[in-house]
C-alpha atoms as a PDB file:
ATOM      1  CA  MET A   1      75.082 -15.859  32.192  1.00  0.00           C
ATOM      2  CA  ALA A   2      73.121 -16.442  35.292  1.00  0.00           C
ATOM      3  CA  THR A   3      69.114 -16.053  35.504  1.00  0.00           C
ATOM      4  CA  MET A   4      67.791 -14.015  38.099  1.00  0.00           C
ATOM      5  CA  PRO A   5      65.353 -16.055  40.321  1.00  0.00           C
ATOM      6  CA  ARG A   6      61.924 -15.052  40.007  1.00  0.00           C
ATOM      7  CA  VAL A   7      60.089 -13.248  42.859  1.00  0.00           C
ATOM      8  CA  VAL A   8      56.931 -14.909  43.638  1.00  0.00           C
ATOM      9  CA  PHE A   9      54.977 -11.882  45.083  1.00  0.00           C
ATOM     10  CA  LEU A  10      55.776  -9.814  41.871  1.00  0.00           C
ATOM     11  CA  ASP A  11      54.534 -12.677  39.542  1.00  0.00           C
ATOM     12  CA  THR A  12      51.360 -12.749  41.806  1.00  0.00           C
ATOM     13  CA  LEU A  13      50.795  -8.983  41.121  1.00  0.00           C
ATOM     14  CA  ARG A  14      51.502  -9.649  37.438  1.00  0.00           C
ATOM     15  CA  PHE A  15      48.828 -12.334  37.523  1.00  0.00           C
ATOM     16  CA  ILE A  16      46.526 -10.075  39.147  1.00  0.00           C
ATOM     17  CA  ALA A  17      47.173  -7.337  36.635  1.00  0.00           C
ATOM     18  CA  ALA A  18      46.768  -9.735  33.606  1.00  0.00           C
ATOM     19  CA  GLY A  19      43.530 -11.132  34.987  1.00  0.00           C
ATOM     20  CA  ALA A  20      42.036  -7.726  35.572  1.00  0.00           C
ATOM     21  CA  VAL A  21      42.717  -6.676  31.879  1.00  0.00           C
ATOM     22  CA  LEU A  22      41.381 -10.024  30.690  1.00  0.00           C
ATOM     23  CA  PHE A  23      38.322  -9.621  32.920  1.00  0.00           C
ATOM     24  CA  GLN A  24      37.470  -6.309  31.307  1.00  0.00           C
ATOM     25  CA  HIS A  25      37.944  -7.311  27.809  1.00  0.00           C
ATOM     26  CA  VAL A  26      35.802 -10.529  28.251  1.00  0.00           C
ATOM     27  CA  ALA A  27      33.149  -8.490  30.274  1.00  0.00           C
ATOM     28  CA  GLU A  28      32.850  -5.687  27.704  1.00  0.00           C
ATOM     29  CA  LYS A  29      31.503  -8.293  25.180  1.00  0.00           C
ATOM     30  CA  GLU A  30      28.855  -9.580  27.542  1.00  0.00           C
ATOM     31  CA  SER A  31      25.808  -7.980  29.535  1.00  0.00           C
ATOM     32  CA  GLY A  32      25.280  -8.279  33.179  1.00  0.00           C
ATOM     33  CA  PHE A  33      27.253  -7.877  36.329  1.00  0.00           C
ATOM     34  CA  GLY A  34      30.591  -8.102  34.682  1.00  0.00           C
ATOM     35  CA  GLN A  35      29.776  -5.249  32.456  1.00  0.00           C
ATOM     36  CA  TRP A  36      28.562  -3.117  35.274  1.00  0.00           C
ATOM     37  CA  ILE A  37      31.942  -3.686  37.050  1.00  0.00           C
ATOM     38  CA  VAL A  38      33.864  -2.531  33.927  1.00  0.00           C
ATOM     39  CA  GLY A  39      31.533   0.521  33.826  1.00  0.00           C
ATOM     40  CA  MET A  40      32.106   1.579  37.278  1.00  0.00           C
ATOM     41  CA  LEU A  41      35.670   0.291  38.170  1.00  0.00           C
ATOM     42  CA  SER A  42      37.614  -0.114  34.830  1.00  0.00           C
ATOM     43  CA  PRO A  43      39.586  -3.143  36.014  1.00  0.00           C
ATOM     44  CA  GLY A  44      41.615  -3.075  32.860  1.00  0.00           C
ATOM     45  CA  VAL A  45      43.196   0.305  33.756  1.00  0.00           C
ATOM     46  CA  PHE A  46      43.718  -0.960  37.237  1.00  0.00           C
ATOM     47  CA  GLY A  47      45.786  -3.810  35.693  1.00  0.00           C
ATOM     48  CA  VAL A  48      47.758  -1.657  33.391  1.00  0.00           C
ATOM     49  CA  VAL A  49      48.643   0.703  36.451  1.00  0.00           C
ATOM     50  CA  LEU A  50      49.646  -2.316  38.503  1.00  0.00           C
ATOM     51  CA  PHE A  51      51.875  -3.621  35.659  1.00  0.00           C
ATOM     52  CA  PHE A  52      53.687  -0.255  35.451  1.00  0.00           C
ATOM     53  CA  ILE A  53      54.367  -0.171  39.215  1.00  0.00           C
ATOM     54  CA  VAL A  54      55.624  -3.724  39.001  1.00  0.00           C
ATOM     55  CA  SER A  55      57.850  -2.668  36.001  1.00  0.00           C
ATOM     56  CA  GLY A  56      59.165   0.171  38.194  1.00  0.00           C
ATOM     57  CA  PHE A  57      60.215  -2.217  40.813  1.00  0.00           C
ATOM     58  CA  VAL A  58      61.659  -5.028  38.465  1.00  0.00           C
ATOM     59  CA  ILE A  59      63.606  -2.717  36.221  1.00  0.00           C
ATOM     60  CA  PRO A  60      66.196  -1.598  38.905  1.00  0.00           C
ATOM     61  CA  MET A  61      66.163  -4.876  40.570  1.00  0.00           C
ATOM     62  CA  THR A  62      67.241  -6.699  37.228  1.00  0.00           C
ATOM     63  CA  ALA A  63      69.569  -3.762  36.178  1.00  0.00           C
ATOM     64  CA  GLY A  64      72.146  -4.936  38.977  1.00  0.00           C
ATOM     65  CA  ARG A  65      74.805  -2.943  40.607  1.00  0.00           C
ATOM     66  CA  ARG A  66      76.974  -2.537  37.317  1.00  0.00           C
ATOM     67  CA  PHE A  67      74.705  -1.148  34.890  1.00  0.00           C
ATOM     68  CA  ASP A  68      75.576  -1.539  31.176  1.00  0.00           C
ATOM     69  CA  LEU A  69      73.413   0.434  28.792  1.00  0.00           C
ATOM     70  CA  LYS A  70      73.898  -1.907  25.814  1.00  0.00           C
ATOM     71  CA  THR A  71      73.119  -5.030  27.856  1.00  0.00           C
ATOM     72  CA  PHE A  72      70.073  -3.475  29.478  1.00  0.00           C
ATOM     73  CA  MET A  73      68.778  -2.479  25.912  1.00  0.00           C
ATOM     74  CA  ILE A  74      69.265  -5.794  24.346  1.00  0.00           C
ATOM     75  CA  ARG A  75      67.598  -7.524  27.285  1.00  0.00           C
ATOM     76  CA  ARG A  76      64.513  -5.104  27.202  1.00  0.00           C
ATOM     77  CA  VAL A  77      64.252  -5.622  23.420  1.00  0.00           C
ATOM     78  CA  PHE A  78      64.341  -9.209  23.328  1.00  0.00           C
ATOM     79  CA  ARG A  79      62.169  -9.294  26.399  1.00  0.00           C
ATOM     80  CA  ILE A  80      59.396  -7.456  24.446  1.00  0.00           C
ATOM     81  CA  TYR A  81      59.721  -7.750  20.693  1.00  0.00           C
ATOM     82  CA  PRO A  82      59.743 -11.479  20.055  1.00  0.00           C
ATOM     83  CA  LEU A  83      56.115 -11.789  21.310  1.00  0.00           C
ATOM     84  CA  VAL A  84      55.175  -8.595  19.541  1.00  0.00           C
ATOM     85  CA  PHE A  85      56.290 -10.092  16.107  1.00  0.00           C
ATOM     86  CA  ALA A  86      54.765 -13.291  16.902  1.00  0.00           C
ATOM     87  CA  ALA A  87      51.385 -11.613  17.724  1.00  0.00           C
ATOM     88  CA  PHE A  88      51.405  -9.461  14.621  1.00  0.00           C
ATOM     89  CA  ALA A  89      52.123 -12.505  12.680  1.00  0.00           C
ATOM     90  CA  LEU A  90      49.177 -14.409  14.153  1.00  0.00           C
ATOM     91  CA  MET A  91      47.049 -11.258  13.580  1.00  0.00           C
ATOM     92  CA  ALA A  92      47.926 -11.259   9.946  1.00  0.00           C
ATOM     93  CA  LEU A  93      47.062 -15.073   9.581  1.00  0.00           C
ATOM     94  CA  LEU A  94      43.848 -14.751  11.221  1.00  0.00           C
ATOM     95  CA  GLY A  95      42.873 -11.495   9.466  1.00  0.00           C
ATOM     96  CA  TYR A  96      43.664 -12.580   6.067  1.00  0.00           C
ATOM     97  CA  CYS A  97      42.668 -16.340   6.383  1.00  0.00           C
ATOM     98  CA  THR A  98      39.472 -16.065   8.418  1.00  0.00           C
ATOM     99  CA  ALA A  99      36.283 -13.989   8.486  1.00  0.00           C
ATOM    100  CA  ILE A 100      36.333 -13.515  12.383  1.00  0.00           C
ATOM    101  CA  PRO A 101      35.354  -9.849  13.069  1.00  0.00           C
ATOM    102  CA  ASP A 102      37.858  -9.208  15.768  1.00  0.00           C
ATOM    103  CA  PHE A 103      40.625  -9.462  13.136  1.00  0.00           C
ATOM    104  CA  SER A 104      39.117  -7.797  10.185  1.00  0.00           C
ATOM    105  CA  ALA A 105      41.111  -4.626  10.417  1.00  0.00           C
ATOM    106  CA  VAL A 106      43.957  -6.453   8.939  1.00  0.00           C
ATOM    107  CA  LYS A 107      42.351  -6.687   5.535  1.00  0.00           C
ATOM    108  CA  SER A 108      42.274  -2.654   5.075  1.00  0.00           C
ATOM    109  CA  ALA A 109      45.604  -2.019   6.692  1.00  0.00           C
ATOM    110  CA  THR A 110      48.263  -0.235   4.846  1.00  0.00           C
ATOM    111  CA  LEU A 111      52.183  -0.762   4.777  1.00  0.00           C
ATOM    112  CA  GLY A 112      52.191   2.291   6.949  1.00  0.00           C
ATOM    113  CA  ASP A 113      49.806   0.869   9.320  1.00  0.00           C
ATOM    114  CA  TRP A 114      51.737  -2.202   9.731  1.00  0.00           C
ATOM    115  CA  LEU A 115      55.020  -0.266   9.989  1.00  0.00           C
ATOM    116  CA  ALA A 116      53.497   1.969  12.678  1.00  0.00           C
ATOM    117  CA  ASN A 117      52.006  -1.009  14.637  1.00  0.00           C
ATOM    118  CA  LEU A 118      55.383  -2.922  14.580  1.00  0.00           C
ATOM    119  CA  LEU A 119      57.279   0.276  15.727  1.00  0.00           C
ATOM    120  CA  LEU A 120      54.431   0.566  18.605  1.00  0.00           C
ATOM    121  CA  ILE A 121      53.813   4.197  17.504  1.00  0.00           C
ATOM    122  CA  GLN A 122      50.450   3.737  15.768  1.00  0.00           C
ATOM    123  CA  ASP A 123      48.632   5.869  18.330  1.00  0.00           C
ATOM    124  CA  TYR A 124      50.816   8.738  17.600  1.00  0.00           C
ATOM    125  CA  VAL A 125      50.847   8.984  13.837  1.00  0.00           C
ATOM    126  CA  GLY A 126      47.014   8.345  13.174  1.00  0.00           C
ATOM    127  CA  ALA A 127      47.625   4.805  11.963  1.00  0.00           C
ATOM    128  CA  THR A 128      44.891   2.148  12.311  1.00  0.00           C
ATOM    129  CA  PRO A 129      45.782   0.029  15.558  1.00  0.00           C
ATOM    130  CA  LEU A 130      45.839  -3.568  14.611  1.00  0.00           C
ATOM    131  CA  LEU A 131      46.291  -5.131  18.214  1.00  0.00           C
ATOM    132  CA  GLY A 132      44.886  -2.618  20.702  1.00  0.00           C
ATOM    133  CA  VAL A 133      46.668  -3.691  23.800  1.00  0.00           C
ATOM    134  CA  THR A 134      50.058  -2.610  22.412  1.00  0.00           C
ATOM    135  CA  TRP A 135      49.535   0.889  23.216  1.00  0.00           C
ATOM    136  CA  THR A 136      51.280   0.189  26.587  1.00  0.00           C
ATOM    137  CA  LEU A 137      54.456  -1.005  25.017  1.00  0.00           C
ATOM    138  CA  SER A 138      55.680   2.325  23.694  1.00  0.00           C
ATOM    139  CA  ILE A 139      55.061   3.667  27.264  1.00  0.00           C
ATOM    140  CA  GLU A 140      57.170   0.657  28.636  1.00  0.00           C
ATOM    141  CA  PHE A 141      59.918   1.474  26.100  1.00  0.00           C
ATOM    142  CA  ALA A 142      59.733   5.265  27.227  1.00  0.00           C
ATOM    143  CA  TRP A 143      60.129   4.144  30.897  1.00  0.00           C
ATOM    144  CA  TYR A 144      63.204   2.097  29.911  1.00  0.00           C
ATOM    145  CA  ALA A 145      64.774   5.098  28.310  1.00  0.00           C
ATOM    146  CA  ILE A 146      64.070   7.393  31.214  1.00  0.00           C
ATOM    147  CA  PHE A 147      65.322   4.781  33.622  1.00  0.00           C
ATOM    148  CA  ALA A 148      68.796   4.382  31.708  1.00  0.00           C
ATOM    149  CA  VAL A 149      69.152   8.040  31.180  1.00  0.00           C
ATOM    150  CA  ALA A 150      68.240   8.952  34.818  1.00  0.00           C
ATOM    151  CA  LEU A 151      70.679   6.216  36.189  1.00  0.00           C
ATOM    152  CA  LEU A 152      73.600   7.242  34.144  1.00  0.00           C
ATOM    153  CA  SER A 153      73.142  10.896  34.641  1.00  0.00           C
ATOM    154  CA  LEU A 154      71.845  11.137  38.377  1.00  0.00           C
ATOM    155  CA  GLY A 155      73.335   7.819  40.022  1.00  0.00           C
ATOM    156  CA  ARG A 156      71.690   5.071  41.717  1.00  0.00           C
ATOM    157  CA  LYS A 157      69.501   7.264  43.675  1.00  0.00           C
ATOM    158  CA  PHE A 158      67.926   8.757  40.638  1.00  0.00           C
ATOM    159  CA  ASP A 159      64.471   8.041  41.880  1.00  0.00           C
ATOM    160  CA  ASP A 160      65.002  10.737  44.710  1.00  0.00           C
ATOM    161  CA  LYS A 161      64.863  13.450  42.015  1.00  0.00           C
ATOM    162  CA  LEU A 162      62.408  11.743  39.836  1.00  0.00           C
ATOM    163  CA  ALA A 163      59.881  11.167  42.832  1.00  0.00           C
ATOM    164  CA  ILE A 164      60.220  15.154  42.957  1.00  0.00           C
ATOM    165  CA  ALA A 165      60.138  16.020  39.378  1.00  0.00           C
ATOM    166  CA  ALA A 166      57.213  13.529  38.422  1.00  0.00           C
ATOM    167  CA  PRO A 167      54.362  15.028  40.291  1.00  0.00           C
ATOM    168  CA  LEU A 168      55.519  18.525  39.316  1.00  0.00           C
ATOM    169  CA  VAL A 169      55.499  17.682  35.734  1.00  0.00           C
ATOM    170  CA  MET A 170      51.976  16.205  35.968  1.00  0.00           C
ATOM    171  CA  LEU A 171      50.803  19.268  37.953  1.00  0.00           C
ATOM    172  CA  ALA A 172      52.289  21.444  35.124  1.00  0.00           C
ATOM    173  CA  LEU A 173      50.623  19.331  32.430  1.00  0.00           C
ATOM    174  CA  VAL A 174      47.357  19.667  34.351  1.00  0.00           C
ATOM    175  CA  GLY A 175      47.830  23.425  34.330  1.00  0.00           C
ATOM    176  CA  ILE A 176      48.754  23.509  30.561  1.00  0.00           C
ATOM    177  CA  SER A 177      45.742  21.358  29.847  1.00  0.00           C
ATOM    178  CA  LEU A 178      43.310  23.714  31.501  1.00  0.00           C
ATOM    179  CA  VAL A 179      44.915  26.879  30.091  1.00  0.00           C
ATOM    180  CA  ILE A 180      44.739  25.529  26.323  1.00  0.00           C
ATOM    181  CA  GLY A 181      41.411  24.049  26.904  1.00  0.00           C
ATOM    182  CA  HIS A 182      42.467  20.450  25.539  1.00  0.00           C
ATOM    183  CA  ARG A 183      42.617  17.168  27.242  1.00  0.00           C
ATOM    184  CA  LEU A 184      46.231  16.011  27.370  1.00  0.00           C
ATOM    185  CA  PRO A 185      46.700  12.294  27.690  1.00  0.00           C
ATOM    186  CA  LEU A 186      47.542  12.608  31.327  1.00  0.00           C
ATOM    187  CA  GLY A 187      46.861   8.875  32.088  1.00  0.00           C
ATOM    188  CA  ARG A 188      49.391   7.732  29.659  1.00  0.00           C
ATOM    189  CA  ILE A 189      52.128   9.983  31.010  1.00  0.00           C
ATOM    190  CA  GLY A 190      50.904   8.970  34.438  1.00  0.00           C
ATOM    191  CA  MET A 191      52.114   5.286  33.726  1.00  0.00           C
ATOM    192  CA  ILE A 192      55.828   6.619  33.771  1.00  0.00           C
ATOM    193  CA  TYR A 193      54.918   8.203  37.206  1.00  0.00           C
ATOM    194  CA  ALA A 194      53.672   4.786  38.386  1.00  0.00           C
ATOM    195  CA  ALA A 195      56.762   3.153  37.259  1.00  0.00           C
ATOM    196  CA  ILE A 196      58.821   5.822  39.281  1.00  0.00           C
ATOM    197  CA  LEU A 197      56.607   4.880  42.395  1.00  0.00           C
ATOM    198  CA  GLY A 198      57.513   1.074  41.795  1.00  0.00           C
ATOM    199  CA  CYS A 199      61.177   2.205  41.835  1.00  0.00           C
ATOM    200  CA  ARG A 200      60.696   3.727  45.245  1.00  0.00           C
ATOM    201  CA  ALA A 201      59.114   0.526  46.447  1.00  0.00           C
ATOM    202  CA  PHE A 202      62.243  -1.351  45.243  1.00  0.00           C
ATOM    203  CA  ARG A 203      64.569   1.039  47.100  1.00  0.00           C
ATOM    204  CA  THR A 204      62.342   0.617  50.383  1.00  0.00           C
ATOM    205  CA  GLN A 205      62.606  -3.269  50.279  1.00  0.00           C
ATOM    206  CA  ALA A 206      66.316  -3.171  49.550  1.00  0.00           C
ATOM    207  CA  GLY A 207      66.655  -1.036  52.851  1.00  0.00           C
ATOM    208  CA  GLU A 208      67.803   2.227  51.093  1.00  0.00           C
ATOM    209  CA  LEU A 209      64.399   4.191  51.708  1.00  0.00           C
ATOM    210  CA  PRO A 210      62.301   4.286  54.882  1.00  0.00           C
ATOM    211  CA  LEU A 211      58.717   3.050  54.656  1.00  0.00           C
ATOM    212  CA  THR A 212      57.382   6.293  55.820  1.00  0.00           C
ATOM    213  CA  ARG A 213      58.853   7.844  52.677  1.00  0.00           C
ATOM    214  CA  LEU A 214      57.422   5.334  50.315  1.00  0.00           C
ATOM    215  CA  LEU A 215      53.936   5.975  52.036  1.00  0.00           C
ATOM    216  CA  VAL A 216      54.287   9.591  51.683  1.00  0.00           C
ATOM    217  CA  ASP A 217      55.084   9.124  47.984  1.00  0.00           C
ATOM    218  CA  THR A 218      52.379   6.942  47.460  1.00  0.00           C
ATOM    219  CA  GLY A 219      50.047   9.328  49.064  1.00  0.00           C
ATOM    220  CA  VAL A 220      51.248  12.079  46.747  1.00  0.00           C
ATOM    221  CA  PHE A 221      50.835   9.748  43.653  1.00  0.00           C
ATOM    222  CA  VAL A 222      47.311   9.068  44.526  1.00  0.00           C
ATOM    223  CA  VAL A 223      46.476  12.845  44.958  1.00  0.00           C
ATOM    224  CA  ILE A 224      48.121  14.053  41.667  1.00  0.00           C
ATOM    225  CA  MET A 225      46.821  11.218  39.600  1.00  0.00           C
ATOM    226  CA  ALA A 226      43.113  11.835  41.130  1.00  0.00           C
ATOM    227  CA  LEU A 227      43.589  15.581  40.220  1.00  0.00           C
ATOM    228  CA  SER A 228      44.915  14.565  36.787  1.00  0.00           C
ATOM    229  CA  ASN A 229      42.006  12.254  36.129  1.00  0.00           C
ATOM    230  CA  ILE A 230      39.338  14.834  37.394  1.00  0.00           C
ATOM    231  CA  VAL A 231      40.681  17.040  34.938  1.00  0.00           C
ATOM    232  CA  SER A 232      40.980  14.639  32.078  1.00  0.00           C
ATOM    233  CA  PHE A 233      37.643  12.783  32.463  1.00  0.00           C
ATOM    234  CA  GLY A 234      35.571  15.408  34.577  1.00  0.00           C
ATOM    235  CA  TYR A 235      36.623  18.854  33.562  1.00  0.00           C
ATOM    236  CA  PHE A 236      36.992  17.407  29.979  1.00  0.00           C
ATOM    237  CA  SER A 237      35.085  14.556  28.465  1.00  0.00           C
ATOM    238  CA  HIS A 238      36.041  11.245  26.948  1.00  0.00           C
ATOM    239  CA  PRO A 239      33.747   9.274  24.713  1.00  0.00           C
ATOM    240  CA  ASN A 240      34.485   6.000  26.472  1.00  0.00           C
ATOM    241  CA  ILE A 241      35.665   6.799  29.845  1.00  0.00           C
ATOM    242  CA  THR A 242      33.902   8.557  32.827  1.00  0.00           C
ATOM    243  CA  MET A 243      35.574  10.290  35.657  1.00  0.00           C
ATOM    244  CA  ASN A 244      34.398   7.463  38.072  1.00  0.00           C
ATOM    245  CA  GLN A 245      35.926   4.952  35.800  1.00  0.00           C
ATOM    246  CA  SER A 246      39.336   6.697  35.743  1.00  0.00           C
ATOM    247  CA  LEU A 247      39.548   7.380  39.640  1.00  0.00           C
ATOM    248  CA  PHE A 248      39.426   3.678  40.880  1.00  0.00           C
ATOM    249  CA  PRO A 249      42.400   2.148  39.103  1.00  0.00           C
ATOM    250  CA  TRP A 250      44.710   4.981  40.219  1.00  0.00           C
ATOM    251  CA  LEU A 251      43.726   4.732  43.776  1.00  0.00           C
ATOM    252  CA  VAL A 252      43.525   1.013  44.182  1.00  0.00           C
ATOM    253  CA  ALA A 253      46.558  -0.146  42.065  1.00  0.00           C
ATOM    254  CA  PRO A 254      49.258   1.567  44.270  1.00  0.00           C
ATOM    255  CA  ILE A 255      47.483   0.585  47.419  1.00  0.00           C
ATOM    256  CA  VAL A 256      47.390  -3.082  46.416  1.00  0.00           C
ATOM    257  CA  PHE A 257      51.030  -2.971  45.498  1.00  0.00           C
ATOM    258  CA  VAL A 258      52.427  -1.169  48.558  1.00  0.00           C
ATOM    259  CA  LEU A 259      50.401  -3.549  50.821  1.00  0.00           C
ATOM    260  CA  VAL A 260      51.801  -6.640  49.049  1.00  0.00           C
ATOM    261  CA  ALA A 261      55.386  -5.389  48.659  1.00  0.00           C
ATOM    262  CA  GLY A 262      55.590  -3.461  51.992  1.00  0.00           C
ATOM    263  CA  ILE A 263      53.836  -5.861  54.429  1.00  0.00           C
ATOM    264  CA  PRO A 264      55.918  -8.986  55.054  1.00  0.00           C
ATOM    265  CA  SER A 265      53.117 -10.994  56.346  1.00  0.00           C
ATOM    266  CA  ILE A 266      51.049 -10.145  53.286  1.00  0.00           C
ATOM    267  CA  ARG A 267      53.835 -10.817  50.881  1.00  0.00           C
ATOM    268  CA  ARG A 268      54.640 -14.177  52.514  1.00  0.00           C
ATOM    269  CA  SER A 269      51.080 -15.146  52.904  1.00  0.00           C
ATOM    270  CA  ALA A 270      49.741 -18.300  51.109  1.00  0.00           C
ATOM    271  CA  LEU A 271      47.505 -16.266  48.901  1.00  0.00           C
ATOM    272  CA  VAL A 272      50.527 -14.333  47.594  1.00  0.00           C
ATOM    273  CA  ASP A 273      53.550 -16.644  47.929  1.00  0.00           C
ATOM    274  CA  ASN A 274      52.257 -19.685  46.107  1.00  0.00           C
ATOM    275  CA  ARG A 275      53.101 -21.720  42.991  1.00  0.00           C
ATOM    276  CA  ILE A 276      49.847 -21.358  41.148  1.00  0.00           C
ATOM    277  CA  THR A 277      49.756 -17.573  41.293  1.00  0.00           C
ATOM    278  CA  GLY A 278      53.378 -17.380  40.812  1.00  0.00           C
ATOM    279  CA  TRP A 279      53.241 -19.501  37.717  1.00  0.00           C
ATOM    280  CA  LEU A 280      50.139 -17.787  36.214  1.00  0.00           C
ATOM    281  CA  GLY A 281      52.086 -14.526  36.687  1.00  0.00           C
ATOM    282  CA  SER A 282      55.315 -15.875  34.954  1.00  0.00           C
ATOM    283  CA  VAL A 283      53.072 -16.090  31.947  1.00  0.00           C
ATOM    284  CA  SER A 284      51.383 -12.815  32.306  1.00  0.00           C
ATOM    285  CA  TYR A 285      52.971 -10.880  29.269  1.00  0.00           C
ATOM    286  CA  SER A 286      51.782 -13.614  27.017  1.00  0.00           C
ATOM    287  CA  THR A 287      48.499 -13.487  28.729  1.00  0.00           C
ATOM    288  CA  TYR A 288      48.233  -9.727  28.188  1.00  0.00           C
ATOM    289  CA  LEU A 289      49.468  -9.659  24.508  1.00  0.00           C
ATOM    290  CA  LEU A 290      47.749 -12.619  23.321  1.00  0.00           C
ATOM    291  CA  HIS A 291      44.363 -12.550  25.068  1.00  0.00           C
ATOM    292  CA  PRO A 292      42.676 -10.622  22.317  1.00  0.00           C
ATOM    293  CA  PHE A 293      43.078 -13.684  20.102  1.00  0.00           C
ATOM    294  CA  ALA A 294      41.580 -15.974  22.851  1.00  0.00           C
ATOM    295  CA  ILE A 295      38.526 -13.542  23.049  1.00  0.00           C
ATOM    296  CA  GLY A 296      38.064 -13.228  19.215  1.00  0.00           C
ATOM    297  CA  LEU A 297      38.319 -17.123  18.642  1.00  0.00           C
ATOM    298  CA  ALA A 298      36.017 -17.788  21.630  1.00  0.00           C
ATOM    299  CA  GLY A 299      33.455 -15.413  20.176  1.00  0.00           C
ATOM    300  CA  ALA A 300      33.521 -17.178  16.870  1.00  0.00           C
ATOM    301  CA  LEU A 301      33.648 -20.676  18.007  1.00  0.00           C
ATOM    302  CA  ALA A 302      31.961 -20.997  21.333  1.00  0.00           C
ATOM    303  CA  PRO A 303      28.126 -20.745  22.217  1.00  0.00           C
ATOM    304  CA  SER A 304      27.397 -17.415  23.998  1.00  0.00           C
ATOM    305  CA  SER A 305      26.654 -19.264  27.148  1.00  0.00           C
ATOM    306  CA  LEU A 306      30.380 -20.596  27.328  1.00  0.00           C
ATOM    307  CA  PHE A 307      32.006 -17.463  25.886  1.00  0.00           C
ATOM    308  CA  ALA A 308      33.513 -16.321  29.134  1.00  0.00           C
ATOM    309  CA  ALA A 309      34.899 -19.627  30.091  1.00  0.00           C
ATOM    310  CA  THR A 310      36.281 -20.465  26.565  1.00  0.00           C
ATOM    311  CA  SER A 311      37.948 -17.143  26.407  1.00  0.00           C
ATOM    312  CA  VAL A 312      39.723 -17.763  29.752  1.00  0.00           C
ATOM    313  CA  LEU A 313      40.729 -21.207  28.577  1.00  0.00           C
ATOM    314  CA  PHE A 314      42.023 -20.003  25.185  1.00  0.00           C
ATOM    315  CA  ALA A 315      43.719 -17.153  27.022  1.00  0.00           C
ATOM    316  CA  LEU A 316      45.664 -19.610  29.296  1.00  0.00           C
ATOM    317  CA  LEU A 317      46.604 -21.834  26.153  1.00  0.00           C
ATOM    318  CA  PHE A 318      47.803 -18.962  24.357  1.00  0.00           C
ATOM    319  CA  ALA A 319      49.740 -17.842  27.445  1.00  0.00           C
ATOM    320  CA  VAL A 320      51.518 -21.021  27.863  1.00  0.00           C
ATOM    321  CA  LEU A 321      52.386 -21.489  24.322  1.00  0.00           C
ATOM    322  CA  GLY A 322      53.587 -17.816  23.977  1.00  0.00           C
ATOM    323  CA  TYR A 323      55.839 -18.055  27.011  1.00  0.00           C
ATOM    324  CA  ARG A 324      57.338 -21.333  26.182  1.00  0.00           C
ATOM    325  CA  LEU A 325      57.580 -21.029  22.348  1.00  0.00           C
ATOM    326  CA  ILE A 326      58.359 -17.291  22.058  1.00  0.00           C
ATOM    327  CA  GLU A 327      59.004 -15.452  25.212  1.00  0.00           C
ATOM    328  CA  LEU A 328      61.738 -17.929  26.767  1.00  0.00           C
ATOM    329  CA  PRO A 329      63.427 -18.674  23.350  1.00  0.00           C
ATOM    330  CA  GLY A 330      63.513 -14.781  22.795  1.00  0.00           C
ATOM    331  CA  GLN A 331      65.129 -14.110  25.974  1.00  0.00           C
ATOM    332  CA  ALA A 332      67.770 -16.848  25.447  1.00  0.00           C
ATOM    333  CA  LEU A 333      68.611 -15.459  22.061  1.00  0.00           C
ATOM    334  CA  GLY A 334      69.104 -11.976  23.623  1.00  0.00           C
ATOM    335  CA  LYS A 335      71.403 -13.544  26.359  1.00  0.00           C
ATOM    336  CA  ARG A 336      73.359 -15.136  23.388  1.00  0.00           C
ATOM    337  CA  ILE A 337      73.845 -11.874  21.719  1.00  0.00           C
ATOM    338  CA  ILE A 338      75.034 -10.081  24.892  1.00  0.00           C
ATOM    339  CA  ALA A 339      77.488 -13.022  25.466  1.00  0.00           C
ATOM    340  CA  ARG A 340      78.998 -12.535  22.024  1.00  0.00           C
ATOM    341  CA  ALA A 341      78.921  -8.905  22.207  1.00  0.00           C
ATOM    342  CA  GLY A 342      80.692  -8.957  25.435  1.00  0.00           C
END
């Protein structure tokens, strides 16, 4: 089975997204300017929103013209889960065999906690989160399911209807939240909306949608998500996130993506289309999922003056190892299973 060539500008955007998440989690453990940036701009959320927009672009691109549900789901599972299993195995090893504080939750975890975390539903069943960054993966799988159902039921232009339905659903949820007096997780639901915007960008680049329509969709997305965040973090309150923190990521992430994906001179520029950022983007999933281990080990082993630099170096090491030893073999196994099943 042929492997689709990597698209450099998408990998560069993945690198930016993973770097933003890493920056936030390193800065949160330090004082000074980095922590001020986190407090004002929440770059980690920016990175996650950007990841979902990229995912929305990539999934229809990789699904191909002849969509097969079984092939699609096998590919997605073997894209995500091998590294998840490896990450939790490493978490268990470090949690049970060391006294590093970042991994201490493992010692008190029940079998139910482990099962919930492995199924990526820990946040929805009240289980102890063992690896905090995995919260996005359940939403990613929800996006895969919505994509598959919409494509099979609505056809290849399914996103035309989703681009109308998504903002209406978000507005309805905002209204429900206000009526019942309870803060709904509008940001998490908005990640699906971000992926739908990515789909629109893919169809624009494929010549199936005018750029003006993408710009309108992006403007609607920014307005709807601004309103959602004003309600979630302004009208209601959150113990860790302010309204100002919540607004920046949802404004800047779609603008960055549309500028890079929609303007050829930016997309082909040396800053975007180059081997270094492209390579760093190719290991972005491992960077994202494994960087908590890098930060935890750096905090335990490195002097405080070298904590940030050591965290970044460890994160790069984990990313390369995760990509080479887990991600690529996992994807290859998925392809073999597809070939045998076909």
